[in-house]
């Protein structure tokens, strides 16, 4: 079962309320996405901790409804 980009964005923003989220459907299949998440909440956290915050926001959907997510995270002003 595929997952909609808007649903991914909502889950992340519901959990990380100040996040700026950009989602791209990489294959047009609703199964492979790229996400850029920028949030002040990431300040002082390692990249692993930042990614863990996003995965927690997805509430266990990774590997099930959401097959693949190429994830980038950053604090505001440090995005590439």
PDB file of N, CA and C in Angstrom:
ATOM      1  N   UNK A   1       0.850  -1.179   0.000  1.00  0.00           N
ATOM      2  CA  UNK A   1       0.000   0.000   0.000  1.00  0.00           C
ATOM      3  C   UNK A   1       0.898   1.245   0.000  1.00  0.00           C
ATOM      4  N   UNK A   2       0.692   2.097  -0.981  1.00  0.00           N
ATOM      5  CA  UNK A   2       1.496   3.307  -1.124  1.00  0.00           C
ATOM      6  C   UNK A   2       1.064   4.377  -0.120  1.00  0.00           C
ATOM      7  N   UNK A   3       1.946   5.319   0.081  1.00  0.00           N
ATOM      8  CA  UNK A   3       1.699   6.405   1.018  1.00  0.00           C
ATOM      9  C   UNK A   3       1.791   7.727   0.267  1.00  0.00           C
ATOM     10  N   UNK A   4       0.882   8.632   0.524  1.00  0.00           N
ATOM     11  CA  UNK A   4       0.831   9.921  -0.141  1.00  0.00           C
ATOM     12  C   UNK A   4       1.857  10.886   0.456  1.00  0.00           C
ATOM     13  N   UNK A   5       2.478  11.705  -0.394  1.00  0.00           N
ATOM     14  CA  UNK A   5       3.479  12.674   0.060  1.00  0.00           C
ATOM     15  C   UNK A   5       2.898  13.635   1.096  1.00  0.00           C
ATOM     16  N   UNK A   6       1.658  14.032   0.910  1.00  0.00           N
ATOM     17  CA  UNK A   6       1.018  14.955   1.860  1.00  0.00           C
ATOM     18  C   UNK A   6       0.882  14.317   3.240  1.00  0.00           C
ATOM     19  N   UNK A   7       0.631  13.012   3.275  1.00  0.00           N
ATOM     20  CA  UNK A   7       0.523  12.311   4.554  1.00  0.00           C
ATOM     21  C   UNK A   7       1.876  12.251   5.266  1.00  0.00           C
ATOM     22  N   UNK A   8       2.936  12.011   4.505  1.00  0.00           N
ATOM     23  CA  UNK A   8       4.280  12.004   5.086  1.00  0.00           C
ATOM     24  C   UNK A   8       4.589  13.374   5.685  1.00  0.00           C
ATOM     25  N   UNK A   9       4.327  14.414   4.919  1.00  0.00           N
ATOM     26  CA  UNK A   9       4.579  15.777   5.387  1.00  0.00           C
ATOM     27  C   UNK A   9       3.780  16.077   6.649  1.00  0.00           C
ATOM     28  N   UNK A  10       2.507  15.691   6.674  1.00  0.00           N
ATOM     29  CA  UNK A  10       1.661  15.952   7.842  1.00  0.00           C
ATOM     30  C   UNK A  10       2.187  15.237   9.083  1.00  0.00           C
ATOM     31  N   UNK A  11       2.566  13.972   8.942  1.00  0.00           N
ATOM     32  CA  UNK A  11       3.081  13.225  10.088  1.00  0.00           C
ATOM     33  C   UNK A  11       4.330  13.903  10.666  1.00  0.00           C
ATOM     34  N   UNK A  12       5.222  14.332   9.781  1.00  0.00           N
ATOM     35  CA  UNK A  12       6.452  14.987  10.247  1.00  0.00           C
ATOM     36  C   UNK A  12       6.125  16.305  10.930  1.00  0.00           C
ATOM     37  N   UNK A  13       5.266  17.121  10.307  1.00  0.00           N
ATOM     38  CA  UNK A  13       4.930  18.429  10.882  1.00  0.00           C
ATOM     39  C   UNK A  13       4.124  18.308  12.168  1.00  0.00           C
ATOM     40  N   UNK A  14       3.318  17.261  12.294  1.00  0.00           N
ATOM     41  CA  UNK A  14       2.573  17.046  13.536  1.00  0.00           C
ATOM     42  C   UNK A  14       3.512  16.744  14.692  1.00  0.00           C
ATOM     43  N   UNK A  15       4.628  16.084  14.408  1.00  0.00           N
ATOM     44  CA  UNK A  15       5.577  15.695  15.442  1.00  0.00           C
ATOM     45  C   UNK A  15       6.663  16.745  15.668  1.00  0.00           C
ATOM     46  N   UNK A  16       7.141  17.331  14.575  1.00  0.00           N
ATOM     47  CA  UNK A  16       8.184  18.365  14.648  1.00  0.00           C
ATOM     48  C   UNK A  16       7.521  19.648  14.131  1.00  0.00           C
ATOM     49  N   UNK A  17       6.838  20.331  15.013  1.00  0.00           N
ATOM     50  CA  UNK A  17       5.888  21.374  14.621  1.00  0.00           C
ATOM     51  C   UNK A  17       6.502  22.555  13.883  1.00  0.00           C
ATOM     52  N   UNK A  18       7.772  22.828  14.101  1.00  0.00           N
ATOM     53  CA  UNK A  18       8.392  23.981  13.438  1.00  0.00           C
ATOM     54  C   UNK A  18       9.157  23.581  12.180  1.00  0.00           C
ATOM     55  N   UNK A  19       8.963  22.350  11.726  1.00  0.00           N
ATOM     56  CA  UNK A  19       9.727  21.824  10.590  1.00  0.00           C
ATOM     57  C   UNK A  19       9.248  22.400   9.261  1.00  0.00           C
ATOM     58  N   UNK A  20      10.211  22.628   8.383  1.00  0.00           N
ATOM     59  CA  UNK A  20       9.942  22.905   6.981  1.00  0.00           C
ATOM     60  C   UNK A  20      10.214  21.593   6.266  1.00  0.00           C
ATOM     61  N   UNK A  21       9.240  21.085   5.540  1.00  0.00           N
ATOM     62  CA  UNK A  21       9.341  19.760   4.939  1.00  0.00           C
ATOM     63  C   UNK A  21       9.128  19.852   3.434  1.00  0.00           C
ATOM     64  N   UNK A  22      10.032  19.255   2.691  1.00  0.00           N
ATOM     65  CA  UNK A  22       9.897  19.137   1.250  1.00  0.00           C
ATOM     66  C   UNK A  22       9.954  17.657   0.900  1.00  0.00           C
ATOM     67  N   UNK A  23       8.931  17.176   0.215  1.00  0.00           N
ATOM     68  CA  UNK A  23       8.843  15.767  -0.152  1.00  0.00           C
ATOM     69  C   UNK A  23       8.845  15.659  -1.676  1.00  0.00           C
ATOM     70  N   UNK A  24       9.622  14.701  -2.194  1.00  0.00           N
ATOM     71  CA  UNK A  24       9.658  14.441  -3.628  1.00  0.00           C
ATOM     72  C   UNK A  24       9.407  12.954  -3.858  1.00  0.00           C
ATOM     73  N   UNK A  25       8.449  12.636  -4.724  1.00  0.00           N
ATOM     74  CA  UNK A  25       8.175  11.248  -5.099  1.00  0.00           C
ATOM     75  C   UNK A  25       9.184  10.884  -6.188  1.00  0.00           C
ATOM     76  N   UNK A  26      10.149  10.060  -5.859  1.00  0.00           N
ATOM     77  CA  UNK A  26      11.276   9.793  -6.748  1.00  0.00           C
ATOM     78  C   UNK A  26      10.915   8.979  -7.982  1.00  0.00           C
ATOM     79  N   UNK A  27       9.942   8.093  -7.872  1.00  0.00           N
ATOM     80  CA  UNK A  27       9.599   7.220  -8.997  1.00  0.00           C
ATOM     81  C   UNK A  27       8.162   7.392  -9.468  1.00  0.00           C
ATOM     82  N   UNK A  28       7.401   8.226  -8.777  1.00  0.00           N
ATOM     83  CA  UNK A  28       6.001   8.392  -9.139  1.00  0.00           C
ATOM     84  C   UNK A  28       5.133   7.219  -8.727  1.00  0.00           C
ATOM     85  N   UNK A  29       5.651   6.374  -7.832  1.00  0.00           N
ATOM     86  CA  UNK A  29       4.918   5.168  -7.431  1.00  0.00           C
ATOM     87  C   UNK A  29       4.347   5.251  -6.015  1.00  0.00           C
ATOM     88  N   UNK A  30       4.582   6.373  -5.325  1.00  0.00           N
ATOM     89  CA  UNK A  30       4.087   6.509  -3.964  1.00  0.00           C
ATOM     90  C   UNK A  30       4.801   5.614  -2.975  1.00  0.00           C
ATOM     91  N   UNK A  31       5.940   5.092  -3.369  1.00  0.00           N
ATOM     92  CA  UNK A  31       6.677   4.140  -2.530  1.00  0.00           C
ATOM     93  C   UNK A  31       8.107   4.574  -2.246  1.00  0.00           C
ATOM     94  N   UNK A  32       8.657   5.439  -3.090  1.00  0.00           N
ATOM     95  CA  UNK A  32      10.049   5.868  -2.976  1.00  0.00           C
ATOM     96  C   UNK A  32      10.099   7.393  -2.948  1.00  0.00           C
ATOM     97  N   UNK A  33      10.437   7.934  -1.797  1.00  0.00           N
ATOM     98  CA  UNK A  33      10.427   9.381  -1.609  1.00  0.00           C
ATOM     99  C   UNK A  33      11.795   9.900  -1.174  1.00  0.00           C
ATOM    100  N   UNK A  34      11.988  11.187  -1.415  1.00  0.00           N
ATOM    101  CA  UNK A  34      13.104  11.928  -0.828  1.00  0.00           C
ATOM    102  C   UNK A  34      12.469  13.013   0.029  1.00  0.00           C
ATOM    103  N   UNK A  35      13.036  13.249   1.198  1.00  0.00           N
ATOM    104  CA  UNK A  35      12.516  14.277   2.093  1.00  0.00           C
ATOM    105  C   UNK A  35      13.654  15.141   2.602  1.00  0.00           C
ATOM    106  N   UNK A  36      13.406  16.444   2.614  1.00  0.00           N
ATOM    107  CA  UNK A  36      14.307  17.404   3.248  1.00  0.00           C
ATOM    108  C   UNK A  36      13.530  18.004   4.404  1.00  0.00           C
ATOM    109  N   UNK A  37      14.060  17.855   5.607  1.00  0.00           N
ATOM    110  CA  UNK A  37      13.395  18.358   6.801  1.00  0.00           C
ATOM    111  C   UNK A  37      14.350  19.325   7.497  1.00  0.00           C
ATOM    112  N   UNK A  38      13.906  20.568   7.643  1.00  0.00           N
ATOM    113  CA  UNK A  38      14.710  21.610   8.276  1.00  0.00           C
ATOM    114  C   UNK A  38      13.966  22.067   9.525  1.00  0.00           C
ATOM    115  N   UNK A  39      14.651  22.049  10.665  1.00  0.00           N
ATOM    116  CA  UNK A  39      13.991  22.425  11.913  1.00  0.00           C
ATOM    117  C   UNK A  39      14.995  22.918  12.952  1.00  0.00           C
ATOM    118  N   UNK A  40      14.617  23.959  13.692  1.00  0.00           N
ATOM    119  CA  UNK A  40      15.449  24.379  14.825  1.00  0.00           C
ATOM    120  C   UNK A  40      15.542  23.296  15.904  1.00  0.00           C
ATOM    121  N   UNK A  41      14.594  22.372  15.920  1.00  0.00           N
ATOM    122  CA  UNK A  41      14.612  21.280  16.911  1.00  0.00           C
ATOM    123  C   UNK A  41      15.817  20.365  16.724  1.00  0.00           C
ATOM    124  N   UNK A  42      16.464  20.423  15.558  1.00  0.00           N
ATOM    125  CA  UNK A  42      17.632  19.596  15.288  1.00  0.00           C
ATOM    126  C   UNK A  42      18.921  20.192  15.852  1.00  0.00           C
ATOM    127  N   UNK A  43      18.866  21.422  16.303  1.00  0.00           N
ATOM    128  CA  UNK A  43      20.050  22.121  16.826  1.00  0.00           C
ATOM    129  C   UNK A  43      20.703  21.300  17.938  1.00  0.00           C
ATOM    130  N   UNK A  44      22.011  21.058  17.801  1.00  0.00           N
ATOM    131  CA  UNK A  44      22.774  20.344  18.826  1.00  0.00           C
ATOM    132  C   UNK A  44      22.637  18.835  18.769  1.00  0.00           C
ATOM    133  N   UNK A  45      21.863  18.325  17.814  1.00  0.00           N
ATOM    134  CA  UNK A  45      21.670  16.889  17.693  1.00  0.00           C
ATOM    135  C   UNK A  45      22.532  16.350  16.549  1.00  0.00           C
ATOM    136  N   UNK A  46      22.980  15.120  16.700  1.00  0.00           N
ATOM    137  CA  UNK A  46      23.744  14.482  15.626  1.00  0.00           C
ATOM    138  C   UNK A  46      22.806  14.175  14.461  1.00  0.00           C
ATOM    139  N   UNK A  47      23.388  13.902  13.315  1.00  0.00           N
ATOM    140  CA  UNK A  47      22.584  13.547  12.136  1.00  0.00           C
ATOM    141  C   UNK A  47      21.726  12.316  12.435  1.00  0.00           C
ATOM    142  N   UNK A  48      22.286  11.342  13.133  1.00  0.00           N
ATOM    143  CA  UNK A  48      21.536  10.131  13.497  1.00  0.00           C
ATOM    144  C   UNK A  48      20.338  10.493  14.368  1.00  0.00           C
ATOM    145  N   UNK A  49      20.536  11.352  15.360  1.00  0.00           N
ATOM    146  CA  UNK A  49      19.436  11.765  16.236  1.00  0.00           C
ATOM    147  C   UNK A  49      18.359  12.520  15.446  1.00  0.00           C
ATOM    148  N   UNK A  50      18.785  13.352  14.503  1.00  0.00           N
ATOM    149  CA  UNK A  50      17.828  14.086  13.669  1.00  0.00           C
ATOM    150  C   UNK A  50      16.970  13.111  12.861  1.00  0.00           C
ATOM    151  N   UNK A  51      17.626  12.128  12.255  1.00  0.00           N
ATOM    152  CA  UNK A  51      16.901  11.143  11.451  1.00  0.00           C
ATOM    153  C   UNK A  51      15.976  10.315  12.331  1.00  0.00           C
ATOM    154  N   UNK A  52      16.415   9.979  13.533  1.00  0.00           N
ATOM    155  CA  UNK A  52      15.563   9.224  14.456  1.00  0.00           C
ATOM    156  C   UNK A  52      14.298  10.002  14.783  1.00  0.00           C
ATOM    157  N   UNK A  53      14.417  11.314  14.935  1.00  0.00           N
ATOM    158  CA  UNK A  53      13.240  12.145  15.201  1.00  0.00           C
ATOM    159  C   UNK A  53      12.233  12.055  14.049  1.00  0.00           C
ATOM    160  N   UNK A  54      12.743  12.081  12.833  1.00  0.00           N
ATOM    161  CA  UNK A  54      11.853  12.001  11.665  1.00  0.00           C
ATOM    162  C   UNK A  54      11.223  10.609  11.590  1.00  0.00           C
ATOM    163  N   UNK A  55      12.018   9.567  11.775  1.00  0.00           N
ATOM    164  CA  UNK A  55      11.470   8.207  11.715  1.00  0.00           C
ATOM    165  C   UNK A  55      10.424   7.984  12.810  1.00  0.00           C
ATOM    166  N   UNK A  56      10.635   8.546  13.994  1.00  0.00           N
ATOM    167  CA  UNK A  56       9.628   8.450  15.056  1.00  0.00           C
ATOM    168  C   UNK A  56       8.341   9.145  14.633  1.00  0.00           C
ATOM    169  N   UNK A  57       8.470  10.264  13.943  1.00  0.00           N
ATOM    170  CA  UNK A  57       7.300  10.998  13.473  1.00  0.00           C
ATOM    171  C   UNK A  57       6.480  10.169  12.485  1.00  0.00           C
ATOM    172  N   UNK A  58       7.134   9.267  11.763  1.00  0.00           N
ATOM    173  CA  UNK A  58       6.446   8.439  10.772  1.00  0.00           C
ATOM    174  C   UNK A  58       5.711   7.257  11.399  1.00  0.00           C
ATOM    175  N   UNK A  59       5.798   7.121  12.689  1.00  0.00           N
ATOM    176  CA  UNK A  59       4.994   6.185  13.482  1.00  0.00           C
ATOM    177  C   UNK A  59       5.006   4.750  12.947  1.00  0.00           C
ATOM    178  N   UNK A  60       6.196   4.246  12.651  1.00  0.00           N
ATOM    179  CA  UNK A  60       6.328   2.849  12.261  1.00  0.00           C
ATOM    180  C   UNK A  60       5.948   2.530  10.827  1.00  0.00           C
ATOM    181  N   UNK A  61       5.710   3.534  10.012  1.00  0.00           N
ATOM    182  CA  UNK A  61       5.302   3.279   8.624  1.00  0.00           C
ATOM    183  C   UNK A  61       6.484   2.943   7.703  1.00  0.00           C
ATOM    184  N   UNK A  62       7.713   3.244   8.136  1.00  0.00           N
ATOM    185  CA  UNK A  62       8.885   2.903   7.331  1.00  0.00           C
ATOM    186  C   UNK A  62       8.972   1.388   7.191  1.00  0.00           C
ATOM    187  N   UNK A  63       9.215   0.940   5.967  1.00  0.00           N
ATOM    188  CA  UNK A  63       9.331  -0.484   5.712  1.00  0.00           C
ATOM    189  C   UNK A  63       7.996  -1.160   5.463  1.00  0.00           C
ATOM    190  N   UNK A  64       6.911  -0.453   5.742  1.00  0.00           N
ATOM    191  CA  UNK A  64       5.577  -0.990   5.478  1.00  0.00           C
ATOM    192  C   UNK A  64       4.911  -0.164   4.405  1.00  0.00           C
ATOM    193  N   UNK A  65       4.101   0.804   4.835  1.00  0.00           N
ATOM    194  CA  UNK A  65       3.442   1.699   3.885  1.00  0.00           C
ATOM    195  C   UNK A  65       4.448   2.530   3.100  1.00  0.00           C
ATOM    196  N   UNK A  66       5.542   2.862   3.731  1.00  0.00           N
ATOM    197  CA  UNK A  66       6.577   3.686   3.109  1.00  0.00           C
ATOM    198  C   UNK A  66       7.808   2.818   2.910  1.00  0.00           C
ATOM    199  N   UNK A  67       8.057   2.465   1.663  1.00  0.00           N
ATOM    200  CA  UNK A  67       9.128   1.518   1.359  1.00  0.00           C
ATOM    201  C   UNK A  67      10.517   2.139   1.470  1.00  0.00           C
ATOM    202  N   UNK A  68      10.708   3.338   0.891  1.00  0.00           N
ATOM    203  CA  UNK A  68      12.040   3.947   0.875  1.00  0.00           C
ATOM    204  C   UNK A  68      11.938   5.457   1.047  1.00  0.00           C
ATOM    205  N   UNK A  69      12.814   5.994   1.872  1.00  0.00           N
ATOM    206  CA  UNK A  69      12.856   7.430   2.113  1.00  0.00           C
ATOM    207  C   UNK A  69      14.309   7.880   2.159  1.00  0.00           C
ATOM    208  N   UNK A  70      14.707   8.653   1.158  1.00  0.00           N
ATOM    209  CA  UNK A  70      16.035   9.274   1.151  1.00  0.00           C
ATOM    210  C   UNK A  70      15.890  10.549   1.977  1.00  0.00           C
ATOM    211  N   UNK A  71      16.473  10.553   3.154  1.00  0.00           N
ATOM    212  CA  UNK A  71      16.234  11.612   4.128  1.00  0.00           C
ATOM    213  C   UNK A  71      17.437  12.517   4.292  1.00  0.00           C
ATOM    214  N   UNK A  72      17.173  13.820   4.238  1.00  0.00           N
ATOM    215  CA  UNK A  72      18.163  14.834   4.583  1.00  0.00           C
ATOM    216  C   UNK A  72      17.551  15.705   5.664  1.00  0.00           C
ATOM    217  N   UNK A  73      18.360  16.048   6.666  1.00  0.00           N
ATOM    218  CA  UNK A  73      17.895  16.918   7.737  1.00  0.00           C
ATOM    219  C   UNK A  73      18.920  18.036   7.944  1.00  0.00           C
ATOM    220  N   UNK A  74      18.437  19.152   8.476  1.00  0.00           N
ATOM    221  CA  UNK A  74      19.317  20.283   8.736  1.00  0.00           C
ATOM    222  C   UNK A  74      18.664  21.255   9.696  1.00  0.00           C
ATOM    223  N   UNK A  75      19.480  22.079  10.326  1.00  0.00           N
ATOM    224  CA  UNK A  75      18.973  23.208  11.092  1.00  0.00           C
ATOM    225  C   UNK A  75      18.852  24.380  10.123  1.00  0.00           C
ATOM    226  N   UNK A  76      17.953  25.335  10.392  1.00  0.00           N
ATOM    227  CA  UNK A  76      17.793  26.474   9.487  1.00  0.00           C
ATOM    228  C   UNK A  76      19.133  27.195   9.262  1.00  0.00           C
ATOM    229  N   UNK A  77      19.389  27.530   8.021  1.00  0.00           N
ATOM    230  CA  UNK A  77      20.618  28.201   7.651  1.00  0.00           C
ATOM    231  C   UNK A  77      21.755  27.257   7.316  1.00  0.00           C
ATOM    232  N   UNK A  78      21.586  25.977   7.602  1.00  0.00           N
ATOM    233  CA  UNK A  78      22.658  25.009   7.328  1.00  0.00           C
ATOM    234  C   UNK A  78      22.262  24.045   6.223  1.00  0.00           C
ATOM    235  N   UNK A  79      21.112  24.278   5.562  1.00  0.00           N
ATOM    236  CA  UNK A  79      20.698  23.383   4.500  1.00  0.00           C
ATOM    237  C   UNK A  79      21.645  23.529   3.310  1.00  0.00           C
ATOM    238  N   UNK A  80      21.767  22.435   2.582  1.00  0.00           N
ATOM    239  CA  UNK A  80      22.655  22.431   1.402  1.00  0.00           C
ATOM    240  C   UNK A  80      21.847  22.543   0.149  1.00  0.00           C
TER     241      UNK A  80
END
